[in-house]
């Protein structure tokens, strides 16, 4: 029986115009896959979006999905940097889609971050209520421990209500 040879010509940009036979076809496919994977731009969903709204004089912080402890702390610290860089004192925190703040991060907020943030001028936060039950409990647990004379905290159903409240404090 005659042996068949499978000849494939891959794009010259990807393989330099090399021909592949059945024998080295699998290696070629795997090699091409890795080349393509290396050249692809991966679009990870943004875990957070934080910016200063100059017209309203507050920082907007939106969380999306699950954040690792490192991502959560990085985003929270970045919010404080933006707040202090612009001399602002208020934050609109849209945490509807945030999945969870872990126990260690709750403790970090309570004992480390919030005391530093308040000392730096953080005075009010309007939070759009989380949809995820366990994050709702986590956020409420942290907020109950905050001295309301130092940091005003209020919860809202939507960003419009939160923004309206921030304009009054």
N, C-alpha and C. Protein backbone atom coordinates (compact mmCIF):
# COMPACT_ATOMS: atom_id res chain seq x y z
N UNK A 1 0.84 -1.16 0.00
CA UNK A 1 0.00 0.00 0.00
C UNK A 1 0.90 1.24 0.00
N UNK A 2 0.61 2.17 -0.86
CA UNK A 2 1.44 3.37 -0.87
C UNK A 2 1.14 4.22 0.35
N UNK A 3 2.16 4.79 0.89
CA UNK A 3 1.95 5.69 2.03
C UNK A 3 1.54 7.06 1.50
N UNK A 4 0.65 7.64 2.24
CA UNK A 4 0.20 8.98 1.85
C UNK A 4 1.00 10.00 2.64
N UNK A 5 1.25 11.07 1.98
CA UNK A 5 1.96 12.16 2.65
C UNK A 5 1.02 13.34 2.73
N UNK A 6 0.86 13.86 3.90
CA UNK A 6 0.02 15.03 4.10
C UNK A 6 0.91 16.25 4.05
N UNK A 7 0.68 17.10 3.09
CA UNK A 7 1.50 18.30 2.95
C UNK A 7 0.66 19.52 3.31
N UNK A 8 1.16 20.26 4.22
CA UNK A 8 0.49 21.50 4.62
C UNK A 8 1.45 22.65 4.45
N UNK A 9 0.96 23.69 3.91
CA UNK A 9 1.77 24.91 3.81
C UNK A 9 1.13 25.92 4.76
N UNK A 10 1.89 26.29 5.77
CA UNK A 10 1.39 27.27 6.72
C UNK A 10 1.74 28.67 6.24
N UNK A 11 1.09 29.62 6.75
CA UNK A 11 1.34 31.01 6.38
C UNK A 11 2.82 31.34 6.53
N UNK A 12 3.40 31.99 5.54
CA UNK A 12 4.83 32.35 5.64
C UNK A 12 5.13 33.23 6.85
N UNK A 13 4.16 34.04 7.25
CA UNK A 13 4.39 34.90 8.41
C UNK A 13 4.54 34.07 9.69
N UNK A 14 3.85 32.93 9.73
CA UNK A 14 3.86 32.12 10.94
C UNK A 14 4.98 31.06 10.92
N UNK A 15 5.31 30.53 9.72
CA UNK A 15 6.23 29.40 9.66
C UNK A 15 7.43 29.64 8.79
N UNK A 16 7.51 30.80 8.17
CA UNK A 16 8.62 31.05 7.26
C UNK A 16 8.46 30.28 5.96
N UNK A 17 7.23 29.84 5.61
CA UNK A 17 6.97 29.13 4.37
C UNK A 17 7.38 27.68 4.37
N UNK A 18 7.70 27.10 5.53
CA UNK A 18 8.13 25.71 5.60
C UNK A 18 6.99 24.77 5.25
N UNK A 19 7.32 23.69 4.60
CA UNK A 19 6.35 22.64 4.32
C UNK A 19 6.43 21.60 5.42
N UNK A 20 5.28 21.04 5.73
CA UNK A 20 5.24 20.03 6.78
C UNK A 20 4.63 18.76 6.22
N UNK A 21 5.21 17.63 6.55
CA UNK A 21 4.67 16.33 6.17
C UNK A 21 3.90 15.78 7.35
N UNK A 22 3.23 14.67 7.14
CA UNK A 22 2.44 14.08 8.21
C UNK A 22 3.28 13.80 9.44
N UNK A 23 4.50 13.43 9.25
CA UNK A 23 5.38 13.07 10.35
C UNK A 23 5.57 14.25 11.31
N UNK A 24 5.79 15.41 10.79
CA UNK A 24 6.03 16.55 11.68
C UNK A 24 4.83 17.50 11.76
N UNK A 25 3.69 17.06 11.27
CA UNK A 25 2.47 17.86 11.29
C UNK A 25 2.06 18.25 12.71
N UNK A 26 2.04 17.27 13.62
CA UNK A 26 1.61 17.54 14.99
C UNK A 26 2.51 18.58 15.66
N UNK A 27 3.79 18.44 15.49
CA UNK A 27 4.73 19.42 16.04
C UNK A 27 4.47 20.80 15.45
N UNK A 28 4.19 20.81 14.15
CA UNK A 28 3.93 22.09 13.49
C UNK A 28 2.68 22.75 14.03
N UNK A 29 1.63 21.96 14.21
CA UNK A 29 0.39 22.52 14.74
C UNK A 29 0.61 23.05 16.15
N UNK A 30 1.25 22.25 16.98
CA UNK A 30 1.50 22.68 18.36
C UNK A 30 2.39 23.92 18.35
N UNK A 31 3.45 23.91 17.54
CA UNK A 31 4.34 25.06 17.46
C UNK A 31 3.62 26.30 16.98
N UNK A 32 2.75 26.14 15.97
CA UNK A 32 1.99 27.27 15.46
C UNK A 32 1.03 27.79 16.52
N UNK A 33 0.40 26.87 17.27
CA UNK A 33 -0.51 27.28 18.33
C UNK A 33 0.21 28.15 19.35
N UNK A 34 1.41 27.73 19.75
CA UNK A 34 2.15 28.51 20.73
C UNK A 34 2.57 29.86 20.17
N UNK A 35 2.92 29.89 18.90
CA UNK A 35 3.27 31.17 18.28
C UNK A 35 2.06 32.09 18.31
N UNK A 36 0.92 31.55 17.91
CA UNK A 36 -0.30 32.37 17.91
C UNK A 36 -0.66 32.82 19.31
N UNK A 37 -0.56 31.92 20.28
CA UNK A 37 -0.89 32.28 21.65
C UNK A 37 0.04 33.37 22.16
N UNK A 38 1.32 33.30 21.80
CA UNK A 38 2.26 34.34 22.22
C UNK A 38 1.94 35.68 21.60
N UNK A 39 1.39 35.67 20.39
CA UNK A 39 1.14 36.92 19.68
C UNK A 39 -0.24 37.50 19.96
N UNK A 40 -1.10 36.73 20.61
CA UNK A 40 -2.44 37.23 20.90
C UNK A 40 -2.41 38.21 22.05
N UNK A 41 -3.21 39.23 21.91
CA UNK A 41 -3.39 40.15 23.03
C UNK A 41 -4.56 39.62 23.84
N UNK A 42 -4.31 39.31 25.08
CA UNK A 42 -5.40 38.82 25.91
C UNK A 42 -6.09 39.99 26.56
N UNK A 43 -7.38 39.99 26.51
CA UNK A 43 -8.18 41.05 27.11
C UNK A 43 -8.81 40.49 28.37
N UNK A 44 -8.18 40.75 29.50
CA UNK A 44 -8.74 40.34 30.77
C UNK A 44 -9.80 41.37 31.16
N UNK A 45 -10.91 40.93 31.71
CA UNK A 45 -11.88 41.93 32.16
C UNK A 45 -11.27 42.75 33.28
N UNK A 46 -11.55 44.03 33.27
CA UNK A 46 -11.03 44.90 34.32
C UNK A 46 -11.72 44.55 35.63
N UNK A 47 -10.91 44.34 36.64
CA UNK A 47 -11.47 44.05 37.96
C UNK A 47 -11.99 45.33 38.59
N UNK A 48 -11.28 46.44 38.36
CA UNK A 48 -11.74 47.70 38.90
C UNK A 48 -11.45 48.83 37.93
N UNK A 49 -12.23 49.88 38.07
CA UNK A 49 -12.05 51.10 37.30
C UNK A 49 -12.15 52.24 38.31
N UNK A 50 -11.10 52.99 38.44
CA UNK A 50 -11.05 54.05 39.46
C UNK A 50 -10.57 55.33 38.80
N UNK A 51 -11.31 56.41 39.01
CA UNK A 51 -10.93 57.69 38.43
C UNK A 51 -11.53 58.84 39.24
N UNK A 52 -10.98 60.02 39.02
CA UNK A 52 -11.47 61.22 39.67
C UNK A 52 -12.42 61.93 38.73
N UNK A 53 -13.60 62.28 39.23
CA UNK A 53 -14.58 63.05 38.46
C UNK A 53 -14.45 64.50 38.90
N UNK A 54 -13.76 65.29 38.10
CA UNK A 54 -13.46 66.68 38.47
C UNK A 54 -14.72 67.53 38.58
N UNK A 55 -15.71 67.27 37.74
CA UNK A 55 -16.95 68.06 37.76
C UNK A 55 -17.71 67.87 39.06
N UNK A 56 -17.57 66.70 39.65
CA UNK A 56 -18.32 66.38 40.88
C UNK A 56 -17.45 66.36 42.12
N UNK A 57 -16.14 66.45 41.92
CA UNK A 57 -15.16 66.47 43.00
C UNK A 57 -15.23 65.24 43.91
N UNK A 58 -15.35 64.08 43.28
CA UNK A 58 -15.22 62.84 44.03
C UNK A 58 -14.59 61.76 43.16
N UNK A 59 -14.13 60.71 43.83
CA UNK A 59 -13.52 59.58 43.14
C UNK A 59 -14.61 58.54 42.87
N UNK A 60 -14.58 57.99 41.67
CA UNK A 60 -15.50 56.92 41.31
C UNK A 60 -14.69 55.61 41.29
N UNK A 61 -15.24 54.61 41.95
CA UNK A 61 -14.57 53.32 42.04
C UNK A 61 -15.60 52.25 41.69
N UNK A 62 -15.37 51.53 40.59
CA UNK A 62 -16.28 50.46 40.17
C UNK A 62 -15.53 49.14 40.20
N UNK A 63 -16.15 48.14 40.82
CA UNK A 63 -15.57 46.81 40.90
C UNK A 63 -16.39 45.86 40.05
N UNK A 64 -15.68 44.90 39.43
CA UNK A 64 -16.34 43.96 38.53
C UNK A 64 -15.84 42.55 38.82
N UNK A 65 -16.70 41.70 39.33
CA UNK A 65 -16.35 40.30 39.52
C UNK A 65 -15.53 40.03 40.76
N UNK A 66 -14.80 38.93 40.69
CA UNK A 66 -13.98 38.49 41.82
C UNK A 66 -12.59 39.11 41.75
N UNK A 67 -12.17 39.69 42.83
CA UNK A 67 -10.81 40.24 42.94
C UNK A 67 -10.03 39.40 43.95
N UNK A 68 -8.81 39.06 43.58
CA UNK A 68 -7.94 38.39 44.54
C UNK A 68 -7.62 39.40 45.64
N UNK A 69 -7.04 38.92 46.71
CA UNK A 69 -6.65 39.82 47.80
C UNK A 69 -5.68 40.88 47.28
N UNK A 70 -4.72 40.47 46.48
CA UNK A 70 -3.74 41.43 45.94
C UNK A 70 -4.42 42.46 45.05
N UNK A 71 -5.35 42.03 44.21
CA UNK A 71 -6.07 42.96 43.34
C UNK A 71 -6.93 43.92 44.16
N UNK A 72 -7.60 43.38 45.17
CA UNK A 72 -8.45 44.21 46.02
C UNK A 72 -7.63 45.29 46.72
N UNK A 73 -6.52 44.90 47.30
CA UNK A 73 -5.69 45.87 48.01
C UNK A 73 -5.05 46.87 47.05
N UNK A 74 -4.62 46.40 45.89
CA UNK A 74 -4.04 47.29 44.88
C UNK A 74 -5.06 48.35 44.46
N UNK A 75 -6.28 47.92 44.17
CA UNK A 75 -7.33 48.85 43.75
C UNK A 75 -7.71 49.82 44.85
N UNK A 76 -7.81 49.31 46.06
CA UNK A 76 -8.18 50.16 47.20
C UNK A 76 -7.09 51.19 47.48
N UNK A 77 -5.84 50.79 47.41
CA UNK A 77 -4.73 51.73 47.59
C UNK A 77 -4.70 52.76 46.46
N UNK A 78 -5.00 52.30 45.25
CA UNK A 78 -5.04 53.23 44.11
C UNK A 78 -6.14 54.27 44.30
N UNK A 79 -7.29 53.84 44.82
CA UNK A 79 -8.37 54.79 45.10
C UNK A 79 -7.89 55.87 46.06
N UNK A 80 -7.14 55.49 47.08
CA UNK A 80 -6.62 56.46 48.04
C UNK A 80 -5.62 57.40 47.38
N UNK A 81 -4.78 56.87 46.51
CA UNK A 81 -3.83 57.72 45.78
C UNK A 81 -4.56 58.75 44.94
N UNK A 82 -5.59 58.34 44.23
CA UNK A 82 -6.36 59.26 43.39
C UNK A 82 -7.06 60.30 44.26
N UNK A 83 -7.63 59.86 45.36
CA UNK A 83 -8.32 60.75 46.29
C UNK A 83 -7.38 61.85 46.80
N UNK A 84 -6.22 61.44 47.28
CA UNK A 84 -5.28 62.43 47.84
C UNK A 84 -4.63 63.29 46.76
N UNK A 85 -4.37 62.72 45.60
CA UNK A 85 -3.75 63.49 44.51
C UNK A 85 -4.63 64.65 44.07
N UNK A 86 -5.94 64.50 44.20
CA UNK A 86 -6.86 65.55 43.76
C UNK A 86 -7.45 66.34 44.92
N UNK A 87 -7.02 66.05 46.12
CA UNK A 87 -7.53 66.76 47.29
C UNK A 87 -9.01 66.51 47.52
N UNK A 88 -9.49 65.37 47.08
CA UNK A 88 -10.91 65.03 47.26
C UNK A 88 -11.09 64.33 48.61
N UNK A 89 -12.34 64.21 49.03
CA UNK A 89 -12.60 63.54 50.30
C UNK A 89 -13.75 62.53 50.20
N UNK A 90 -14.36 62.42 49.00
CA UNK A 90 -15.54 61.56 48.84
C UNK A 90 -15.32 60.53 47.73
N UNK A 91 -16.01 59.38 47.90
CA UNK A 91 -15.91 58.28 46.95
C UNK A 91 -17.29 57.72 46.65
N UNK A 92 -17.54 57.49 45.38
CA UNK A 92 -18.71 56.74 44.96
C UNK A 92 -18.20 55.34 44.63
N UNK A 93 -18.59 54.35 45.41
CA UNK A 93 -18.13 52.98 45.23
C UNK A 93 -19.26 52.12 44.68
N UNK A 94 -19.16 51.80 43.41
CA UNK A 94 -20.15 50.93 42.78
C UNK A 94 -19.64 49.50 42.91
N UNK A 95 -20.16 48.80 43.90
CA UNK A 95 -19.69 47.44 44.19
C UNK A 95 -20.78 46.40 43.89
N UNK A 96 -21.74 46.78 43.05
CA UNK A 96 -22.82 45.85 42.70
C UNK A 96 -22.29 44.51 42.22
N UNK A 97 -21.29 44.54 41.34
CA UNK A 97 -20.81 43.32 40.71
C UNK A 97 -19.58 42.71 41.38
N UNK A 98 -19.17 43.28 42.49
CA UNK A 98 -18.04 42.72 43.23
C UNK A 98 -18.52 41.46 43.95
N UNK A 99 -17.75 40.39 43.83
CA UNK A 99 -18.20 39.11 44.36
C UNK A 99 -18.00 38.98 45.86
N UNK A 100 -16.79 39.30 46.36
CA UNK A 100 -16.53 39.06 47.77
C UNK A 100 -15.29 39.81 48.25
N UNK A 101 -15.36 40.31 49.47
CA UNK A 101 -14.18 40.82 50.16
C UNK A 101 -13.87 39.77 51.22
N UNK A 102 -12.72 39.14 51.10
CA UNK A 102 -12.35 38.06 52.01
C UNK A 102 -12.15 38.54 53.45
N UNK A 103 -12.15 37.59 54.38
CA UNK A 103 -12.02 37.90 55.81
C UNK A 103 -10.73 38.66 56.11
N UNK A 104 -9.61 38.23 55.53
CA UNK A 104 -8.34 38.91 55.79
C UNK A 104 -8.37 40.34 55.26
N UNK A 105 -9.01 40.54 54.11
CA UNK A 105 -9.10 41.88 53.56
C UNK A 105 -10.07 42.76 54.35
N UNK A 106 -11.10 42.17 54.92
CA UNK A 106 -11.99 42.92 55.81
C UNK A 106 -11.20 43.43 57.02
N UNK A 107 -10.39 42.54 57.58
CA UNK A 107 -9.56 42.92 58.74
C UNK A 107 -8.56 44.01 58.34
N UNK A 108 -7.95 43.86 57.16
CA UNK A 108 -7.00 44.87 56.65
C UNK A 108 -7.69 46.22 56.47
N UNK A 109 -8.91 46.22 55.94
CA UNK A 109 -9.65 47.48 55.79
C UNK A 109 -9.85 48.15 57.14
N UNK A 110 -10.30 47.36 58.10
CA UNK A 110 -10.65 47.87 59.42
C UNK A 110 -9.44 48.36 60.21
N UNK A 111 -8.35 47.63 60.17
CA UNK A 111 -7.22 47.95 61.05
C UNK A 111 -6.09 48.72 60.38
N UNK A 112 -6.01 48.67 59.06
CA UNK A 112 -4.89 49.30 58.36
C UNK A 112 -5.35 50.39 57.39
N UNK A 113 -6.12 49.99 56.40
CA UNK A 113 -6.46 50.93 55.33
C UNK A 113 -7.32 52.10 55.79
N UNK A 114 -8.46 51.81 56.40
CA UNK A 114 -9.38 52.91 56.76
C UNK A 114 -8.77 53.92 57.73
N UNK A 115 -8.03 53.52 58.75
CA UNK A 115 -7.39 54.54 59.58
C UNK A 115 -6.43 55.44 58.78
N UNK A 116 -5.66 54.85 57.87
CA UNK A 116 -4.76 55.65 57.03
C UNK A 116 -5.54 56.56 56.08
N UNK A 117 -6.60 56.03 55.49
CA UNK A 117 -7.40 56.81 54.54
C UNK A 117 -8.09 57.98 55.23
N UNK A 118 -8.64 57.74 56.40
CA UNK A 118 -9.29 58.81 57.15
C UNK A 118 -8.27 59.87 57.54
N UNK A 119 -7.11 59.46 57.96
CA UNK A 119 -6.05 60.42 58.30
C UNK A 119 -5.62 61.24 57.08
N UNK A 120 -5.77 60.65 55.88
CA UNK A 120 -5.39 61.35 54.65
C UNK A 120 -6.51 62.23 54.10
N UNK A 121 -7.67 62.23 54.76
CA UNK A 121 -8.74 63.13 54.34
C UNK A 121 -9.98 62.47 53.76
N UNK A 122 -10.06 61.15 53.79
CA UNK A 122 -11.23 60.42 53.31
C UNK A 122 -12.38 60.66 54.29
N UNK A 123 -13.49 61.27 53.81
CA UNK A 123 -14.56 61.67 54.73
C UNK A 123 -15.93 61.05 54.43
N UNK A 124 -16.18 60.62 53.19
CA UNK A 124 -17.51 60.09 52.87
C UNK A 124 -17.43 59.08 51.74
N UNK A 125 -18.25 58.03 51.86
CA UNK A 125 -18.34 57.03 50.81
C UNK A 125 -19.80 56.63 50.60
N UNK A 126 -20.22 56.70 49.35
CA UNK A 126 -21.57 56.27 48.95
C UNK A 126 -21.39 54.95 48.21
N UNK A 127 -22.00 53.90 48.73
CA UNK A 127 -21.82 52.58 48.13
C UNK A 127 -23.10 52.11 47.45
N UNK A 128 -22.94 51.65 46.21
CA UNK A 128 -24.05 51.00 45.53
C UNK A 128 -24.02 49.55 45.99
N UNK A 129 -25.11 49.11 46.59
CA UNK A 129 -25.19 47.81 47.26
C UNK A 129 -24.77 46.65 46.37
N UNK A 130 -23.99 45.73 46.94
CA UNK A 130 -23.59 44.54 46.19
C UNK A 130 -24.78 43.62 45.93
N UNK A 131 -24.74 42.97 44.78
CA UNK A 131 -25.76 41.99 44.43
C UNK A 131 -25.48 40.63 45.08
N UNK A 132 -24.21 40.35 45.32
CA UNK A 132 -23.81 39.05 45.88
C UNK A 132 -23.97 39.08 47.40
N UNK A 133 -24.73 38.13 47.91
CA UNK A 133 -25.08 38.11 49.32
C UNK A 133 -23.87 38.16 50.25
N UNK A 134 -22.87 37.33 50.00
CA UNK A 134 -21.74 37.26 50.93
C UNK A 134 -20.92 38.55 50.91
N UNK A 135 -20.87 39.22 49.78
CA UNK A 135 -20.18 40.50 49.75
C UNK A 135 -20.99 41.57 50.48
N UNK A 136 -22.29 41.47 50.38
CA UNK A 136 -23.17 42.39 51.11
C UNK A 136 -22.90 42.28 52.61
N UNK A 137 -22.82 41.06 53.09
CA UNK A 137 -22.53 40.82 54.52
C UNK A 137 -21.15 41.35 54.87
N UNK A 138 -20.17 41.10 54.02
CA UNK A 138 -18.79 41.56 54.28
C UNK A 138 -18.73 43.07 54.37
N UNK A 139 -19.35 43.74 53.43
CA UNK A 139 -19.32 45.21 53.39
C UNK A 139 -20.03 45.79 54.61
N UNK A 140 -21.17 45.22 54.96
CA UNK A 140 -21.89 45.70 56.14
C UNK A 140 -21.08 45.47 57.41
N UNK A 141 -20.40 44.35 57.50
CA UNK A 141 -19.58 44.04 58.68
C UNK A 141 -18.49 45.09 58.85
N UNK A 142 -17.81 45.43 57.78
CA UNK A 142 -16.75 46.45 57.85
C UNK A 142 -17.36 47.81 58.19
N UNK A 143 -18.47 48.14 57.57
CA UNK A 143 -19.05 49.48 57.78
C UNK A 143 -19.54 49.69 59.21
N UNK A 144 -20.01 48.63 59.86
CA UNK A 144 -20.47 48.75 61.24
C UNK A 144 -19.35 49.11 62.20
N UNK A 145 -18.12 48.79 61.84
CA UNK A 145 -16.98 49.05 62.72
C UNK A 145 -16.41 50.46 62.56
N UNK A 146 -16.86 51.17 61.54
CA UNK A 146 -16.31 52.50 61.24
C UNK A 146 -16.95 53.56 62.12
N UNK A 147 -16.13 54.46 62.61
CA UNK A 147 -16.61 55.60 63.38
C UNK A 147 -17.28 56.58 62.41
N UNK A 148 -18.60 56.68 62.46
CA UNK A 148 -19.37 57.50 61.51
C UNK A 148 -19.11 59.00 61.68
N UNK A 149 -18.51 59.39 62.80
CA UNK A 149 -18.12 60.80 62.97
C UNK A 149 -16.92 61.12 62.08
N UNK A 150 -16.12 60.11 61.79
CA UNK A 150 -14.92 60.32 60.97
C UNK A 150 -15.14 60.01 59.49
N UNK A 151 -16.02 59.03 59.20
CA UNK A 151 -16.28 58.63 57.82
C UNK A 151 -17.77 58.36 57.65
N UNK A 152 -18.41 59.20 56.85
CA UNK A 152 -19.84 59.01 56.55
C UNK A 152 -19.96 57.90 55.52
N UNK A 153 -20.84 56.93 55.81
CA UNK A 153 -21.06 55.80 54.91
C UNK A 153 -22.56 55.66 54.68
N UNK A 154 -22.93 55.51 53.41
CA UNK A 154 -24.34 55.28 53.12
C UNK A 154 -24.44 54.32 51.93
N UNK A 155 -25.51 53.52 51.93
CA UNK A 155 -25.73 52.51 50.89
C UNK A 155 -26.92 52.90 50.02
N UNK A 156 -26.80 52.58 48.72
CA UNK A 156 -27.82 52.97 47.75
C UNK A 156 -28.09 51.84 46.76
N UNK A 157 -29.25 51.92 46.11
CA UNK A 157 -29.64 50.92 45.13
C UNK A 157 -28.99 51.15 43.77
N UNK A 158 -28.64 52.42 43.46
CA UNK A 158 -28.08 52.73 42.15
C UNK A 158 -27.10 53.89 42.25
N UNK A 159 -26.27 54.08 41.23
CA UNK A 159 -25.26 55.14 41.26
C UNK A 159 -25.84 56.55 41.31
N UNK A 160 -27.01 56.75 40.72
CA UNK A 160 -27.63 58.08 40.72
C UNK A 160 -27.98 58.53 42.13
N UNK A 161 -28.56 57.63 42.92
CA UNK A 161 -28.88 57.95 44.31
C UNK A 161 -27.60 58.21 45.11
N UNK A 162 -26.59 57.40 44.88
CA UNK A 162 -25.31 57.56 45.59
C UNK A 162 -24.69 58.92 45.26
N UNK A 163 -24.71 59.27 43.99
CA UNK A 163 -24.15 60.55 43.56
C UNK A 163 -24.91 61.73 44.18
N UNK A 164 -26.22 61.64 44.21
CA UNK A 164 -27.04 62.71 44.81
C UNK A 164 -26.68 62.89 46.28
N UNK A 165 -26.51 61.80 47.00
CA UNK A 165 -26.14 61.89 48.42
C UNK A 165 -24.77 62.52 48.59
N UNK A 166 -23.82 62.14 47.76
CA UNK A 166 -22.46 62.71 47.86
C UNK A 166 -22.47 64.22 47.68
N UNK A 167 -23.37 64.72 46.88
CA UNK A 167 -23.44 66.17 46.66
C UNK A 167 -23.93 66.91 47.93
N UNK A 168 -24.54 66.17 48.85
CA UNK A 168 -25.07 66.81 50.07
C UNK A 168 -24.13 66.75 51.25
N UNK A 169 -23.11 65.89 51.19
CA UNK A 169 -22.20 65.77 52.35
C UNK A 169 -20.91 66.53 52.10
